[in-house]
Amino acid sequence: MQFVKTIISSHPDFKKPLPEDVPFLEIAEFFYDTIQGEGINLGQPAAFLRVQHCTQNCWWCDTKEVWRAGNPYTFEELWKLIYQTDLVSKLRSGQHLILTGGSPMKQQKGLTLFLQSFKERYGFKPFTEIENECTLMPDPEFTRLIDVWNNSPKLKHSGNPDKLRYQPPIIKHLSSLENAWFKFVVAQDEDWDEIEESFLKPGLIKRTQIILMPLGGTREGLHRIRNTVVEIAVRESVRYSSREHIELWDRKTGV
């Protein structure tokens, strides 16, 4: 499948210094003409801006080797790279811009300025989704720029300490935002029990906001678990989402 177009490749073989006194983003990869692979907008044509760094260290993360690499790019460098592509016309025609990571919220000030600058430069703001691990509070200015919140709180099986992965006040706030969804990576009934005890019973999120996805970083891994997850989703009357990027490309990155 050669239709995916790359603006910034993953795994760079060089390291750039951090810029001084100019706006920049630390980027792991940037590509478009692909689809949103999971969640409420699964199948939606999209561009992915993957930033570096994360607040979590999930043992099963399928992009860890990507967001740990990358480089800083000034906005001027990004405009020049974008100019060489048809990204702007694709975003204008309806592709979503997906802010992903790592943890995009670690760079929310830079991303706020980037989206504002994009609108000033091109006359529109792309429809913007964010993939969010729910441990950092969004500020009001950034919140206004996000059209869909794909929140993914980490459960105990992620291997992260409770105090690092579970922030009830932040989760409660995110639940109140328009177009906020909560994607949980699950593998067994015990994972649903945790969702019920830690998220539903305390009133942090609504059942109608929940999307269950199978744990697995490979096609084979997803296939081992997905039937179990579908069964849980149907039993509990919540949404199920495939992880279509893994179904299509397995462990390949940049798609």
C-alpha atoms as a PDB file:
ATOM      1  CA  MET A   1       0.000   0.000   0.000  1.00  0.00           C
ATOM      2  CA  GLN A   2       1.960   2.963  -1.324  1.00  0.00           C
ATOM      3  CA  PHE A   3      -0.728   5.656  -1.069  1.00  0.00           C
ATOM      4  CA  VAL A   4       0.381   6.983   2.341  1.00  0.00           C
ATOM      5  CA  LYS A   5       2.490  10.135   1.913  1.00  0.00           C
ATOM      6  CA  THR A   6       5.306  11.044   4.299  1.00  0.00           C
ATOM      7  CA  ILE A   7       6.289  14.557   5.335  1.00  0.00           C
ATOM      8  CA  ILE A   8       8.649  13.633   8.181  1.00  0.00           C
ATOM      9  CA  SER A   9       9.947  10.062   8.402  1.00  0.00           C
ATOM     10  CA  SER A  10      10.291   8.147  11.647  1.00  0.00           C
ATOM     11  CA  HIS A  11      13.631   6.935  12.998  1.00  0.00           C
ATOM     12  CA  PRO A  12      15.834   9.834  11.761  1.00  0.00           C
ATOM     13  CA  ASP A  13      19.529   9.064  11.358  1.00  0.00           C
ATOM     14  CA  PHE A  14      20.545  12.505  12.650  1.00  0.00           C
ATOM     15  CA  LYS A  15      19.836  14.628  15.725  1.00  0.00           C
ATOM     16  CA  LYS A  16      19.018  18.332  15.591  1.00  0.00           C
ATOM     17  CA  PRO A  17      19.597  20.741  18.494  1.00  0.00           C
ATOM     18  CA  LEU A  18      16.617  22.431  20.111  1.00  0.00           C
ATOM     19  CA  PRO A  19      15.919  25.809  18.460  1.00  0.00           C
ATOM     20  CA  GLU A  20      16.205  28.977  20.513  1.00  0.00           C
ATOM     21  CA  ASP A  21      13.731  31.877  20.637  1.00  0.00           C
ATOM     22  CA  VAL A  22      11.457  30.529  17.866  1.00  0.00           C
ATOM     23  CA  PRO A  23       8.344  28.317  18.060  1.00  0.00           C
ATOM     24  CA  PHE A  24       8.917  24.623  17.353  1.00  0.00           C
ATOM     25  CA  LEU A  25       7.505  21.146  17.852  1.00  0.00           C
ATOM     26  CA  GLU A  26       9.397  17.964  18.721  1.00  0.00           C
ATOM     27  CA  ILE A  27       8.116  15.568  16.070  1.00  0.00           C
ATOM     28  CA  ALA A  28       8.558  11.816  15.673  1.00  0.00           C
ATOM     29  CA  GLU A  29       6.790  11.500  12.292  1.00  0.00           C
ATOM     30  CA  PHE A  30       4.271  13.301  10.083  1.00  0.00           C
ATOM     31  CA  PHE A  31       2.271  11.612   7.314  1.00  0.00           C
ATOM     32  CA  TYR A  32      -1.098  11.807   5.549  1.00  0.00           C
ATOM     33  CA  ASP A  33      -3.376  10.097   3.005  1.00  0.00           C
ATOM     34  CA  THR A  34      -4.062   7.318   5.473  1.00  0.00           C
ATOM     35  CA  ILE A  35      -7.016   6.510   7.749  1.00  0.00           C
ATOM     36  CA  GLN A  36      -7.822   6.880  11.404  1.00  0.00           C
ATOM     37  CA  GLY A  37      -7.238   3.337  12.589  1.00  0.00           C
ATOM     38  CA  GLU A  38      -9.329   3.220  15.744  1.00  0.00           C
ATOM     39  CA  GLY A  39     -11.958   4.907  17.845  1.00  0.00           C
ATOM     40  CA  ILE A  40     -15.137   6.759  16.999  1.00  0.00           C
ATOM     41  CA  ASN A  41     -13.827   7.950  13.611  1.00  0.00           C
ATOM     42  CA  LEU A  42     -12.291   4.662  12.476  1.00  0.00           C
ATOM     43  CA  GLY A  43     -11.838   4.700   8.701  1.00  0.00           C
ATOM     44  CA  GLN A  44     -11.797   8.495   8.403  1.00  0.00           C
ATOM     45  CA  PRO A  45      -9.136   9.776   5.935  1.00  0.00           C
ATOM     46  CA  ALA A  46      -6.495  11.482   8.023  1.00  0.00           C
ATOM     47  CA  ALA A  47      -3.079  13.014   8.518  1.00  0.00           C
ATOM     48  CA  PHE A  48      -1.033  12.085  11.591  1.00  0.00           C
ATOM     49  CA  LEU A  49       1.299  14.458  13.392  1.00  0.00           C
ATOM     50  CA  ARG A  50       3.104  12.291  15.936  1.00  0.00           C
ATOM     51  CA  VAL A  51       5.029  14.206  18.573  1.00  0.00           C
ATOM     52  CA  GLN A  52       7.847  12.986  20.782  1.00  0.00           C
ATOM     53  CA  HIS A  53       7.754  12.139  24.488  1.00  0.00           C
ATOM     54  CA  CYS A  54       5.109  10.533  26.675  1.00  0.00           C
ATOM     55  CA  THR A  55       3.951  10.551  30.281  1.00  0.00           C
ATOM     56  CA  GLN A  56       3.496   6.759  30.249  1.00  0.00           C
ATOM     57  CA  ASN A  57       5.617   3.671  29.643  1.00  0.00           C
ATOM     58  CA  CYS A  58       3.122   0.997  28.582  1.00  0.00           C
ATOM     59  CA  TRP A  59       4.824  -2.327  27.950  1.00  0.00           C
ATOM     60  CA  TRP A  60       2.527  -3.064  24.986  1.00  0.00           C
ATOM     61  CA  CYS A  61       2.852   0.346  23.261  1.00  0.00           C
ATOM     62  CA  ASP A  62       3.056  -0.175  19.484  1.00  0.00           C
ATOM     63  CA  THR A  63       4.741   3.210  18.760  1.00  0.00           C
ATOM     64  CA  LYS A  64       7.274   3.488  21.595  1.00  0.00           C
ATOM     65  CA  GLU A  65      10.282   3.102  19.316  1.00  0.00           C
ATOM     66  CA  VAL A  66       8.882   5.904  17.132  1.00  0.00           C
ATOM     67  CA  TRP A  67       8.007   8.643  19.651  1.00  0.00           C
ATOM     68  CA  ARG A  68      11.253   8.095  21.533  1.00  0.00           C
ATOM     69  CA  ALA A  69      13.056   9.210  18.368  1.00  0.00           C
ATOM     70  CA  GLY A  70      12.504  12.293  16.236  1.00  0.00           C
ATOM     71  CA  ASN A  71      13.687  15.893  16.047  1.00  0.00           C
ATOM     72  CA  PRO A  72      12.594  19.451  16.772  1.00  0.00           C
ATOM     73  CA  TYR A  73      11.186  21.383  13.812  1.00  0.00           C
ATOM     74  CA  THR A  74      10.606  25.119  13.778  1.00  0.00           C
ATOM     75  CA  PHE A  75       7.341  26.304  12.312  1.00  0.00           C
ATOM     76  CA  GLU A  76       9.219  27.791   9.373  1.00  0.00           C
ATOM     77  CA  GLU A  77      10.748  24.386   8.662  1.00  0.00           C
ATOM     78  CA  LEU A  78       7.294  22.813   8.862  1.00  0.00           C
ATOM     79  CA  TRP A  79       5.753  25.351   6.469  1.00  0.00           C
ATOM     80  CA  LYS A  80       8.503  24.619   3.945  1.00  0.00           C
ATOM     81  CA  LEU A  81       7.954  20.866   4.234  1.00  0.00           C
ATOM     82  CA  ILE A  82       4.179  21.235   3.969  1.00  0.00           C
ATOM     83  CA  TYR A  83       4.550  23.513   0.922  1.00  0.00           C
ATOM     84  CA  GLN A  84       6.204  20.630  -0.954  1.00  0.00           C
ATOM     85  CA  THR A  85       3.075  18.464  -0.512  1.00  0.00           C
ATOM     86  CA  ASP A  86      -0.665  18.624  -1.146  1.00  0.00           C
ATOM     87  CA  LEU A  87      -1.424  18.235   2.574  1.00  0.00           C
ATOM     88  CA  VAL A  88      -3.248  21.563   2.863  1.00  0.00           C
ATOM     89  CA  SER A  89      -5.677  20.739   0.049  1.00  0.00           C
ATOM     90  CA  LYS A  90      -6.293  17.293   1.573  1.00  0.00           C
ATOM     91  CA  LEU A  91      -7.058  18.831   4.977  1.00  0.00           C
ATOM     92  CA  ARG A  92      -9.246  21.446   3.339  1.00  0.00           C
ATOM     93  CA  SER A  93     -11.201  18.714   1.538  1.00  0.00           C
ATOM     94  CA  GLY A  94     -11.903  16.819   4.751  1.00  0.00           C
ATOM     95  CA  GLN A  95      -8.951  14.767   5.978  1.00  0.00           C
ATOM     96  CA  HIS A  96      -8.714  15.017   9.756  1.00  0.00           C
ATOM     97  CA  LEU A  97      -5.508  16.110  11.466  1.00  0.00           C
ATOM     98  CA  ILE A  98      -4.712  13.618  14.234  1.00  0.00           C
ATOM     99  CA  LEU A  99      -2.389  14.842  16.983  1.00  0.00           C
ATOM    100  CA  THR A 100      -0.809  11.731  18.435  1.00  0.00           C
ATOM    101  CA  GLY A 101       2.278  10.539  20.263  1.00  0.00           C
ATOM    102  CA  GLY A 102       3.561   9.753  22.748  1.00  0.00           C
ATOM    103  CA  SER A 103       1.680  12.400  24.591  1.00  0.00           C
ATOM    104  CA  PRO A 104       0.599  15.442  22.539  1.00  0.00           C
ATOM    105  CA  MET A 105      -0.528  17.141  25.747  1.00  0.00           C
ATOM    106  CA  LYS A 106       3.129  17.502  26.775  1.00  0.00           C
ATOM    107  CA  GLN A 107       3.423  19.971  23.881  1.00  0.00           C
ATOM    108  CA  GLN A 108       0.010  21.617  24.092  1.00  0.00           C
ATOM    109  CA  LYS A 109       1.444  25.158  24.109  1.00  0.00           C
ATOM    110  CA  GLY A 110       3.408  24.480  20.937  1.00  0.00           C
ATOM    111  CA  LEU A 111       0.465  22.690  19.325  1.00  0.00           C
ATOM    112  CA  THR A 112      -1.848  25.577  20.222  1.00  0.00           C
ATOM    113  CA  LEU A 113       0.463  28.020  18.488  1.00  0.00           C
ATOM    114  CA  PHE A 114       0.899  25.660  15.520  1.00  0.00           C
ATOM    115  CA  LEU A 115      -2.857  25.319  14.931  1.00  0.00           C
ATOM    116  CA  GLN A 116      -3.386  29.060  15.322  1.00  0.00           C
ATOM    117  CA  SER A 117      -0.511  29.787  12.943  1.00  0.00           C
ATOM    118  CA  PHE A 118      -1.837  27.235  10.444  1.00  0.00           C
ATOM    119  CA  LYS A 119      -5.202  29.018  10.387  1.00  0.00           C
ATOM    120  CA  GLU A 120      -3.555  32.415   9.932  1.00  0.00           C
ATOM    121  CA  ARG A 121      -1.410  31.076   7.106  1.00  0.00           C
ATOM    122  CA  TYR A 122      -3.960  28.983   5.191  1.00  0.00           C
ATOM    123  CA  GLY A 123      -7.283  30.561   6.156  1.00  0.00           C
ATOM    124  CA  PHE A 124      -8.813  27.565   7.935  1.00  0.00           C
ATOM    125  CA  LYS A 125      -8.199  25.216  10.847  1.00  0.00           C
ATOM    126  CA  PRO A 126      -8.259  21.519   9.955  1.00  0.00           C
ATOM    127  CA  PHE A 127     -10.703  19.262  11.765  1.00  0.00           C
ATOM    128  CA  THR A 128      -8.447  18.190  14.616  1.00  0.00           C
ATOM    129  CA  GLU A 129      -8.491  15.066  16.781  1.00  0.00           C
ATOM    130  CA  ILE A 130      -6.165  14.363  19.678  1.00  0.00           C
ATOM    131  CA  GLU A 131      -5.007  11.047  21.110  1.00  0.00           C
ATOM    132  CA  ASN A 132      -4.725  11.684  24.836  1.00  0.00           C
ATOM    133  CA  GLU A 133      -3.558   9.541  27.755  1.00  0.00           C
ATOM    134  CA  CYS A 134      -5.539  11.601  30.322  1.00  0.00           C
ATOM    135  CA  THR A 135      -2.811  12.687  32.745  1.00  0.00           C
ATOM    136  CA  LEU A 136      -2.375  16.381  31.838  1.00  0.00           C
ATOM    137  CA  MET A 137      -5.072  19.054  32.088  1.00  0.00           C
ATOM    138  CA  PRO A 138      -5.822  20.879  28.824  1.00  0.00           C
ATOM    139  CA  ASP A 139      -5.935  24.656  29.014  1.00  0.00           C
ATOM    140  CA  PRO A 140      -8.994  26.505  27.628  1.00  0.00           C
ATOM    141  CA  GLU A 141      -7.174  27.912  24.595  1.00  0.00           C
ATOM    142  CA  PHE A 142      -6.011  24.474  23.472  1.00  0.00           C
ATOM    143  CA  THR A 143      -9.400  22.920  24.237  1.00  0.00           C
ATOM    144  CA  ARG A 144     -11.145  25.273  21.812  1.00  0.00           C
ATOM    145  CA  LEU A 145      -8.932  24.036  18.962  1.00  0.00           C
ATOM    146  CA  ILE A 146      -9.716  20.318  19.391  1.00  0.00           C
ATOM    147  CA  ASP A 147     -12.755  18.835  17.634  1.00  0.00           C
ATOM    148  CA  VAL A 148     -12.564  15.257  18.962  1.00  0.00           C
ATOM    149  CA  TRP A 149     -10.931  13.991  22.157  1.00  0.00           C
ATOM    150  CA  ASN A 150      -9.790  10.375  21.786  1.00  0.00           C
ATOM    151  CA  ASN A 151      -8.947   9.760  25.428  1.00  0.00           C
ATOM    152  CA  SER A 152      -7.177   6.551  26.354  1.00  0.00           C
ATOM    153  CA  PRO A 153      -6.714   6.140  30.116  1.00  0.00           C
ATOM    154  CA  LYS A 154      -4.285   3.382  30.965  1.00  0.00           C
ATOM    155  CA  LEU A 155      -5.394   0.405  33.032  1.00  0.00           C
ATOM    156  CA  LYS A 156      -3.312  -1.554  35.540  1.00  0.00           C
ATOM    157  CA  HIS A 157      -2.140  -4.022  32.891  1.00  0.00           C
ATOM    158  CA  SER A 158      -0.189  -1.186  31.203  1.00  0.00           C
ATOM    159  CA  GLY A 159       2.452  -1.535  33.911  1.00  0.00           C
ATOM    160  CA  ASN A 160       2.369   2.155  34.858  1.00  0.00           C
ATOM    161  CA  PRO A 161       2.150   3.149  38.552  1.00  0.00           C
ATOM    162  CA  ASP A 162      -1.353   4.172  39.632  1.00  0.00           C
ATOM    163  CA  LYS A 163      -0.307   7.726  40.540  1.00  0.00           C
ATOM    164  CA  LEU A 164       1.200   8.151  37.057  1.00  0.00           C
ATOM    165  CA  ARG A 165      -1.647   6.736  34.957  1.00  0.00           C
ATOM    166  CA  TYR A 166      -4.822   7.501  36.942  1.00  0.00           C
ATOM    167  CA  GLN A 167      -5.827  11.152  37.442  1.00  0.00           C
ATOM    168  CA  PRO A 168      -9.539  11.293  38.381  1.00  0.00           C
ATOM    169  CA  PRO A 169      -9.964  15.122  38.291  1.00  0.00           C
ATOM    170  CA  ILE A 170      -8.464  15.288  34.795  1.00  0.00           C
ATOM    171  CA  ILE A 171     -10.531  12.346  33.550  1.00  0.00           C
ATOM    172  CA  LYS A 172     -13.705  13.940  34.956  1.00  0.00           C
ATOM    173  CA  HIS A 173     -12.918  17.231  33.212  1.00  0.00           C
ATOM    174  CA  LEU A 174     -12.203  15.515  29.894  1.00  0.00           C
ATOM    175  CA  SER A 175     -15.501  13.651  30.135  1.00  0.00           C
ATOM    176  CA  SER A 176     -17.336  16.983  30.239  1.00  0.00           C
ATOM    177  CA  LEU A 177     -15.884  18.152  26.916  1.00  0.00           C
ATOM    178  CA  GLU A 178     -17.843  17.972  23.692  1.00  0.00           C
ATOM    179  CA  ASN A 179     -16.940  14.997  21.470  1.00  0.00           C
ATOM    180  CA  ALA A 180     -14.967  13.252  24.213  1.00  0.00           C
ATOM    181  CA  TRP A 181     -14.536   9.481  23.975  1.00  0.00           C
ATOM    182  CA  PHE A 182     -12.681   7.023  26.176  1.00  0.00           C
ATOM    183  CA  LYS A 183     -10.846   4.187  24.447  1.00  0.00           C
ATOM    184  CA  PHE A 184      -9.736   1.366  26.714  1.00  0.00           C
ATOM    185  CA  VAL A 185      -7.282  -1.315  25.620  1.00  0.00           C
ATOM    186  CA  VAL A 186      -8.584  -4.534  27.148  1.00  0.00           C
ATOM    187  CA  ALA A 187      -7.824  -8.238  27.045  1.00  0.00           C
ATOM    188  CA  GLN A 188     -10.029  -9.927  29.650  1.00  0.00           C
ATOM    189  CA  ASP A 189     -13.024  -9.544  31.965  1.00  0.00           C
ATOM    190  CA  GLU A 190     -10.836  -8.210  34.775  1.00  0.00           C
ATOM    191  CA  ASP A 191     -10.081  -5.168  32.619  1.00  0.00           C
ATOM    192  CA  TRP A 192     -13.787  -4.387  32.344  1.00  0.00           C
ATOM    193  CA  ASP A 193     -14.124  -4.804  36.122  1.00  0.00           C
ATOM    194  CA  GLU A 194     -11.444  -2.137  36.531  1.00  0.00           C
ATOM    195  CA  ILE A 195     -13.227   0.222  34.122  1.00  0.00           C
ATOM    196  CA  GLU A 196     -16.438  -0.208  36.087  1.00  0.00           C
ATOM    197  CA  GLU A 197     -14.848   0.267  39.509  1.00  0.00           C
ATOM    198  CA  SER A 198     -12.406   3.069  38.676  1.00  0.00           C
ATOM    199  CA  PHE A 199     -14.249   5.045  35.995  1.00  0.00           C
ATOM    200  CA  LEU A 200     -17.999   4.313  35.926  1.00  0.00           C
ATOM    201  CA  LYS A 201     -18.926   3.912  39.601  1.00  0.00           C
ATOM    202  CA  PRO A 202     -17.097   7.116  40.659  1.00  0.00           C
ATOM    203  CA  GLY A 203     -18.938   8.960  37.872  1.00  0.00           C
ATOM    204  CA  LEU A 204     -15.772  10.015  36.043  1.00  0.00           C
ATOM    205  CA  ILE A 205     -17.092   9.085  32.589  1.00  0.00           C
ATOM    206  CA  LYS A 206     -20.345   8.006  30.961  1.00  0.00           C
ATOM    207  CA  ARG A 207     -20.937   4.490  29.660  1.00  0.00           C
ATOM    208  CA  THR A 208     -21.944   5.994  26.298  1.00  0.00           C
ATOM    209  CA  GLN A 209     -18.424   7.445  25.956  1.00  0.00           C
ATOM    210  CA  ILE A 210     -16.662   4.076  26.254  1.00  0.00           C
ATOM    211  CA  ILE A 211     -14.958   2.291  23.359  1.00  0.00           C
ATOM    212  CA  LEU A 212     -13.209  -1.047  23.926  1.00  0.00           C
ATOM    213  CA  MET A 213     -10.222  -2.103  21.820  1.00  0.00           C
ATOM    214  CA  PRO A 214      -8.258  -5.370  21.883  1.00  0.00           C
ATOM    215  CA  LEU A 215      -4.781  -5.373  23.377  1.00  0.00           C
ATOM    216  CA  GLY A 216      -2.098  -6.274  20.850  1.00  0.00           C
ATOM    217  CA  GLY A 217       0.645  -4.668  18.832  1.00  0.00           C
ATOM    218  CA  THR A 218       0.534  -7.204  16.002  1.00  0.00           C
ATOM    219  CA  ARG A 219      -2.168  -8.573  13.724  1.00  0.00           C
ATOM    220  CA  GLU A 220      -1.750 -12.018  15.267  1.00  0.00           C
ATOM    221  CA  GLY A 221      -2.045 -10.595  18.775  1.00  0.00           C
ATOM    222  CA  LEU A 222      -5.259  -8.750  17.950  1.00  0.00           C
ATOM    223  CA  HIS A 223      -6.798 -11.858  16.423  1.00  0.00           C
ATOM    224  CA  ARG A 224      -6.152 -13.848  19.608  1.00  0.00           C
ATOM    225  CA  ILE A 225      -8.066 -11.369  21.760  1.00  0.00           C
ATOM    226  CA  ARG A 226     -10.621  -9.526  19.633  1.00  0.00           C
ATOM    227  CA  ASN A 227     -13.490 -12.027  19.991  1.00  0.00           C
ATOM    228  CA  THR A 228     -13.217 -11.810  23.772  1.00  0.00           C
ATOM    229  CA  VAL A 229     -13.301  -8.008  23.624  1.00  0.00           C
ATOM    230  CA  VAL A 230     -16.294  -7.981  21.253  1.00  0.00           C
ATOM    231  CA  GLU A 231     -18.119 -10.294  23.668  1.00  0.00           C
ATOM    232  CA  ILE A 232     -17.417  -7.929  26.582  1.00  0.00           C
ATOM    233  CA  ALA A 233     -18.515  -4.895  24.551  1.00  0.00           C
ATOM    234  CA  VAL A 234     -21.801  -6.524  23.527  1.00  0.00           C
ATOM    235  CA  ARG A 235     -22.491  -7.766  27.054  1.00  0.00           C
ATOM    236  CA  GLU A 236     -21.879  -4.322  28.555  1.00  0.00           C
ATOM    237  CA  SER A 237     -23.584  -2.348  25.753  1.00  0.00           C
ATOM    238  CA  VAL A 238     -20.538  -0.268  24.861  1.00  0.00           C
ATOM    239  CA  ARG A 239     -18.777   0.353  21.562  1.00  0.00           C
ATOM    240  CA  TYR A 240     -16.066  -1.901  20.155  1.00  0.00           C
ATOM    241  CA  SER A 241     -13.319  -0.626  17.886  1.00  0.00           C
ATOM    242  CA  SER A 242     -10.907  -2.549  15.741  1.00  0.00           C
ATOM    243  CA  ARG A 243      -7.329  -1.269  15.480  1.00  0.00           C
ATOM    244  CA  GLU A 244      -7.455  -1.133  11.729  1.00  0.00           C
ATOM    245  CA  HIS A 245      -3.941   0.228  11.166  1.00  0.00           C
ATOM    246  CA  ILE A 246      -2.579  -2.970  12.723  1.00  0.00           C
ATOM    247  CA  GLU A 247      -5.029  -5.108  10.747  1.00  0.00           C
ATOM    248  CA  LEU A 248      -3.872  -3.461   7.508  1.00  0.00           C
ATOM    249  CA  TRP A 249      -0.153  -2.934   8.092  1.00  0.00           C
ATOM    250  CA  ASP A 250       0.704  -5.094  11.130  1.00  0.00           C
ATOM    251  CA  ARG A 251       3.690  -3.505  12.938  1.00  0.00           C
ATOM    252  CA  LYS A 252       4.640  -1.052  10.190  1.00  0.00           C
ATOM    253  CA  THR A 253       5.014   2.571  11.305  1.00  0.00           C
ATOM    254  CA  GLY A 254       4.398   5.744   9.309  1.00  0.00           C
ATOM    255  CA  VAL A 255       0.950   4.572   8.160  1.00  0.00           C
END
